[in-house]
């Protein structure tokens, strides 16, 4: 049962992506966007929980990629086509469809990358960052011109499949998950406060609950002796490598 907890979070990520697409089709863009951010939170949690519980495996990695292509590839593409690109009709759908295609290629490349290399750096930006940023830009639809959005949208798609080396966020304490999610929650709080706290989206409470759980999981990981010991060992290994290089 313990082994399935991270997988359940990953499936929750996938289900949020599916629900988001359903809400977009029905015209509820606001709740659709919130669901993408809930998926982002669950995606941030599943890997951490797997490492905390000591149950990380290849099955979870593959399942995570399948969920990501829906929640951060297909769903953001639908968001873009039903908001910024809606005036382009069928062409808007075709243009937006390139985003999940590039994202899928990026995920496949990541899955065959050796673990040692992926811990050091990523090739191209992660699809979670790209999809999360597209969802955040949709919230700013009234302030961003469609031409600027299209440039950012295609830049993100190209950067996903590029060979540009991005430092692994797994080694950065303040990672992109934390930044994007915090910005999103602050923006939603601003909208709710602006309406006099009369119009609260139904999924906002779920997002807050998962965000709190996300912070707790990060705290537990930081305080777990096993991870602290592992970190100390990693630092010692790095020091030895640096000393060897200096001697050479």
Protein backbone atom coordinates (compact mmCIF):
# COMPACT_ATOMS: atom_id res chain seq x y z
CA UNK A 1 0.00 0.00 0.00
CA UNK A 2 2.85 2.39 0.87
CA UNK A 3 4.28 1.90 -2.63
CA UNK A 4 1.02 3.05 -4.25
CA UNK A 5 0.74 6.41 -2.43
CA UNK A 6 3.00 8.30 -4.91
CA UNK A 7 1.28 6.53 -7.84
CA UNK A 8 -2.13 7.66 -6.54
CA UNK A 9 -0.85 11.25 -6.53
CA UNK A 10 0.37 10.80 -10.10
CA UNK A 11 -3.04 9.44 -11.13
CA UNK A 12 -4.61 12.42 -9.35
CA UNK A 13 -2.41 14.64 -11.53
CA UNK A 14 -3.70 12.85 -14.65
CA UNK A 15 -7.31 13.09 -13.50
CA UNK A 16 -6.95 16.84 -12.89
CA UNK A 17 -5.66 17.18 -16.46
CA UNK A 18 -8.70 15.32 -17.77
CA UNK A 19 -11.10 17.43 -15.69
CA UNK A 20 -9.33 20.60 -16.81
CA UNK A 21 -9.93 19.73 -20.48
CA UNK A 22 -13.59 18.99 -19.68
CA UNK A 23 -14.01 22.40 -18.00
CA UNK A 24 -12.29 24.18 -20.92
CA UNK A 25 -14.71 22.60 -23.40
CA UNK A 26 -17.66 23.66 -21.23
CA UNK A 27 -16.32 27.23 -21.12
CA UNK A 28 -15.14 27.35 -17.49
CA UNK A 29 -11.56 28.52 -18.05
CA UNK A 30 -11.02 29.69 -14.46
CA UNK A 31 -11.64 26.30 -12.83
CA UNK A 32 -9.77 24.60 -15.69
CA UNK A 33 -6.70 26.71 -14.89
CA UNK A 34 -6.97 25.94 -11.17
CA UNK A 35 -7.08 22.21 -11.98
CA UNK A 36 -3.82 22.50 -13.96
CA UNK A 37 -2.18 24.07 -10.92
CA UNK A 38 -3.57 21.35 -8.66
CA UNK A 39 -2.01 18.85 -11.10
CA UNK A 40 1.27 20.79 -10.81
CA UNK A 41 1.14 20.49 -7.02
CA UNK A 42 0.43 16.75 -7.19
CA UNK A 43 3.30 16.32 -9.67
CA UNK A 44 5.60 18.12 -7.24
CA UNK A 45 4.44 15.85 -4.42
CA UNK A 46 4.53 12.38 -6.00
CA UNK A 47 8.30 12.30 -6.53
CA UNK A 48 9.01 13.70 -3.07
CA UNK A 49 6.67 11.20 -1.41
CA UNK A 50 8.28 8.34 -3.35
CA UNK A 51 11.73 9.38 -2.10
CA UNK A 52 10.50 9.97 1.47
CA UNK A 53 8.85 6.54 1.56
CA UNK A 54 11.77 4.92 -0.28
CA UNK A 55 9.55 3.47 -3.05
CA UNK A 56 10.84 5.33 -6.14
CA UNK A 57 10.92 3.04 -9.20
CA UNK A 58 10.74 3.02 -13.02
CA UNK A 59 6.99 2.34 -12.93
CA UNK A 60 6.39 5.64 -11.14
CA UNK A 61 8.67 7.48 -13.60
CA UNK A 62 6.79 6.19 -16.65
CA UNK A 63 3.40 6.83 -15.05
CA UNK A 64 4.48 10.37 -14.21
CA UNK A 65 5.39 11.09 -17.83
CA UNK A 66 2.04 9.78 -19.10
CA UNK A 67 0.20 12.03 -16.63
CA UNK A 68 2.37 15.05 -17.48
CA UNK A 69 1.62 14.93 -21.21
CA UNK A 70 -2.10 15.28 -20.45
CA UNK A 71 -1.98 17.82 -17.60
CA UNK A 72 0.88 20.00 -18.87
CA UNK A 73 0.78 19.31 -22.60
CA UNK A 74 -2.78 18.72 -23.84
CA UNK A 75 -4.66 20.76 -21.19
CA UNK A 76 -2.54 23.96 -21.59
CA UNK A 77 -2.82 23.61 -25.39
CA UNK A 78 -6.63 23.50 -25.06
CA UNK A 79 -6.46 26.51 -22.73
CA UNK A 80 -4.47 28.47 -25.31
CA UNK A 81 -6.79 27.52 -28.18
CA UNK A 82 -9.94 28.47 -26.23
CA UNK A 83 -8.56 31.81 -25.00
CA UNK A 84 -5.77 33.62 -26.86
CA UNK A 85 -6.12 31.61 -30.09
CA UNK A 86 -9.92 31.40 -30.20
CA UNK A 87 -10.16 33.95 -33.03
CA UNK A 88 -8.02 31.70 -35.23
CA UNK A 89 -10.79 29.05 -35.29
CA UNK A 90 -9.50 25.66 -36.53
CA UNK A 91 -6.06 27.10 -37.18
CA UNK A 92 -5.83 27.97 -33.49
CA UNK A 93 -6.40 24.32 -32.57
CA UNK A 94 -3.77 23.20 -35.09
CA UNK A 95 -1.23 25.73 -33.82
CA UNK A 96 -1.86 24.88 -30.16
CA UNK A 97 -1.53 21.17 -30.97
CA UNK A 98 2.20 21.59 -31.51
CA UNK A 99 2.69 22.22 -27.78
CA UNK A 100 1.82 18.67 -26.56
CA UNK A 101 3.75 17.17 -29.51
CA UNK A 102 6.93 18.95 -28.46
CA UNK A 103 6.21 18.16 -24.82
CA UNK A 104 5.78 14.45 -25.60
CA UNK A 105 9.15 14.36 -27.39
CA UNK A 106 10.78 16.10 -24.43
CA UNK A 107 9.34 13.57 -21.94
CA UNK A 108 10.45 10.60 -24.08
CA UNK A 109 13.98 12.02 -24.25
CA UNK A 110 14.00 12.58 -20.49
CA UNK A 111 12.90 8.97 -19.82
CA UNK A 112 15.89 7.53 -21.67
CA UNK A 113 18.36 9.97 -20.08
CA UNK A 114 20.59 8.32 -17.43
CA UNK A 115 19.60 9.25 -13.86
CA UNK A 116 23.07 10.60 -13.08
CA UNK A 117 22.79 13.08 -15.96
CA UNK A 118 19.20 14.16 -15.16
CA UNK A 119 20.24 14.94 -11.58
CA UNK A 120 22.90 17.33 -12.90
CA UNK A 121 20.88 19.10 -15.59
CA UNK A 122 17.87 18.90 -17.92
CA UNK A 123 17.98 19.06 -21.72
CA UNK A 124 15.36 21.66 -22.52
CA UNK A 125 12.88 23.14 -20.06
CA UNK A 126 10.56 20.68 -18.22
CA UNK A 127 7.02 20.33 -19.58
CA UNK A 128 5.67 21.03 -16.09
CA UNK A 129 7.28 24.48 -16.14
CA UNK A 130 6.12 25.21 -19.71
CA UNK A 131 2.55 24.03 -19.11
CA UNK A 132 2.31 25.79 -15.75
CA UNK A 133 3.55 29.06 -17.28
CA UNK A 134 1.00 28.84 -20.13
CA UNK A 135 -1.78 28.33 -17.56
CA UNK A 136 -0.54 31.33 -15.58
CA UNK A 137 -0.46 33.50 -18.72
CA UNK A 138 -4.09 32.56 -19.40
CA UNK A 139 -4.98 34.14 -16.06
CA UNK A 140 -3.41 37.36 -17.38
CA UNK A 141 -5.34 37.23 -20.66
CA UNK A 142 -6.75 40.75 -20.19
CA UNK A 143 -3.26 42.26 -19.81
CA UNK A 144 -1.18 40.34 -22.38
CA UNK A 145 -1.57 40.87 -26.13
CA UNK A 146 -2.18 37.77 -28.23
CA UNK A 147 0.99 38.35 -30.31
CA UNK A 148 3.15 38.39 -27.17
CA UNK A 149 1.46 35.21 -25.92
CA UNK A 150 2.06 33.42 -29.25
CA UNK A 151 5.77 34.31 -29.11
CA UNK A 152 6.05 33.01 -25.52
CA UNK A 153 3.94 29.94 -26.34
CA UNK A 154 6.12 28.85 -29.27
CA UNK A 155 9.32 29.78 -27.44
CA UNK A 156 8.34 27.43 -24.61
CA UNK A 157 7.53 24.65 -27.10
CA UNK A 158 10.91 25.05 -28.85
CA UNK A 159 12.80 25.28 -25.55
CA UNK A 160 11.26 21.97 -24.45
CA UNK A 161 12.84 20.10 -27.37
CA UNK A 162 16.04 22.15 -27.43
CA UNK A 163 19.36 20.80 -26.19
CA UNK A 164 19.89 23.78 -23.91
CA UNK A 165 21.15 22.51 -20.56
CA UNK A 166 19.01 23.70 -17.65
CA UNK A 167 20.33 23.14 -14.06
CA UNK A 168 18.34 20.40 -12.31
CA UNK A 169 15.76 22.01 -10.01
CA UNK A 170 16.02 18.97 -7.75
CA UNK A 171 19.13 20.58 -6.25
CA UNK A 172 17.61 24.06 -5.92
CA UNK A 173 15.75 24.74 -2.69
CA UNK A 174 13.45 27.36 -4.24
CA UNK A 175 12.46 25.45 -7.39
CA UNK A 176 10.14 26.35 -10.24
CA UNK A 177 7.22 24.44 -8.66
CA UNK A 178 7.31 26.69 -5.61
CA UNK A 179 7.63 29.90 -7.62
CA UNK A 180 4.82 29.22 -10.11
CA UNK A 181 2.41 27.76 -7.54
CA UNK A 182 2.99 30.64 -5.11
CA UNK A 183 2.44 33.24 -7.86
CA UNK A 184 -0.74 31.46 -8.92
CA UNK A 185 -2.16 31.33 -5.38
CA UNK A 186 -1.30 35.00 -4.78
CA UNK A 187 -3.03 35.97 -8.01
CA UNK A 188 -6.15 33.95 -7.14
CA UNK A 189 -6.22 35.50 -3.67
CA UNK A 190 -6.03 38.93 -5.29
CA UNK A 191 -9.04 38.16 -7.53
CA UNK A 192 -11.04 36.81 -4.59
CA UNK A 193 -10.19 39.84 -2.45
CA UNK A 194 -11.12 42.14 -5.35
CA UNK A 195 -14.57 40.54 -5.51
CA UNK A 196 -15.05 41.07 -1.78
CA UNK A 197 -14.55 37.33 -1.07
CA UNK A 198 -17.96 36.64 -2.65
CA UNK A 199 -16.75 34.65 -5.65
CA UNK A 200 -14.46 31.80 -4.59
CA UNK A 201 -13.77 29.13 -7.28
CA UNK A 202 -14.80 25.67 -6.10
CA UNK A 203 -11.37 24.13 -6.67
CA UNK A 204 -9.45 26.90 -4.92
CA UNK A 205 -9.93 25.25 -1.52
CA UNK A 206 -8.51 21.98 -2.89
CA UNK A 207 -5.52 23.87 -4.28
CA UNK A 208 -4.83 25.47 -0.90
CA UNK A 209 -5.07 22.09 0.89
CA UNK A 210 -2.65 20.43 -1.54
CA UNK A 211 -0.27 23.40 -1.34
CA UNK A 212 -0.15 23.04 2.47
CA UNK A 213 0.50 19.30 2.07
CA UNK A 214 3.26 20.15 -0.44
CA UNK A 215 4.99 22.44 2.09
CA UNK A 216 4.67 19.77 4.82
CA UNK A 217 6.19 17.11 2.51
CA UNK A 218 9.15 19.39 1.72
CA UNK A 219 9.64 20.03 5.44
CA UNK A 220 9.55 16.30 6.26
CA UNK A 221 12.06 15.57 3.51
CA UNK A 222 14.41 18.28 4.80
CA UNK A 223 14.21 16.94 8.35
CA UNK A 224 14.44 13.22 7.54
CA UNK A 225 17.84 11.95 8.81
CA UNK A 226 18.23 9.59 5.83
CA UNK A 227 18.13 12.46 3.33
CA UNK A 228 20.37 14.68 5.45
CA UNK A 229 22.93 11.85 5.67
CA UNK A 230 22.66 11.23 1.93
CA UNK A 231 23.24 14.94 1.28
CA UNK A 232 26.34 14.93 3.49
CA UNK A 233 27.71 11.92 1.62
CA UNK A 234 27.08 13.66 -1.72
CA UNK A 235 28.97 16.74 -0.52
CA UNK A 236 31.92 14.57 0.59
CA UNK A 237 32.02 12.80 -2.79
CA UNK A 238 32.05 16.14 -4.59
CA UNK A 239 34.88 17.39 -2.43
CA UNK A 240 36.92 14.27 -3.22
CA UNK A 241 36.33 14.75 -6.97
CA UNK A 242 37.41 18.40 -6.76
CA UNK A 243 40.59 17.42 -4.88
CA UNK A 244 41.40 14.79 -7.53
CA UNK A 245 40.93 17.36 -10.32
CA UNK A 246 43.22 19.84 -8.55
CA UNK A 247 45.90 17.18 -8.14
CA UNK A 248 45.72 16.37 -11.86
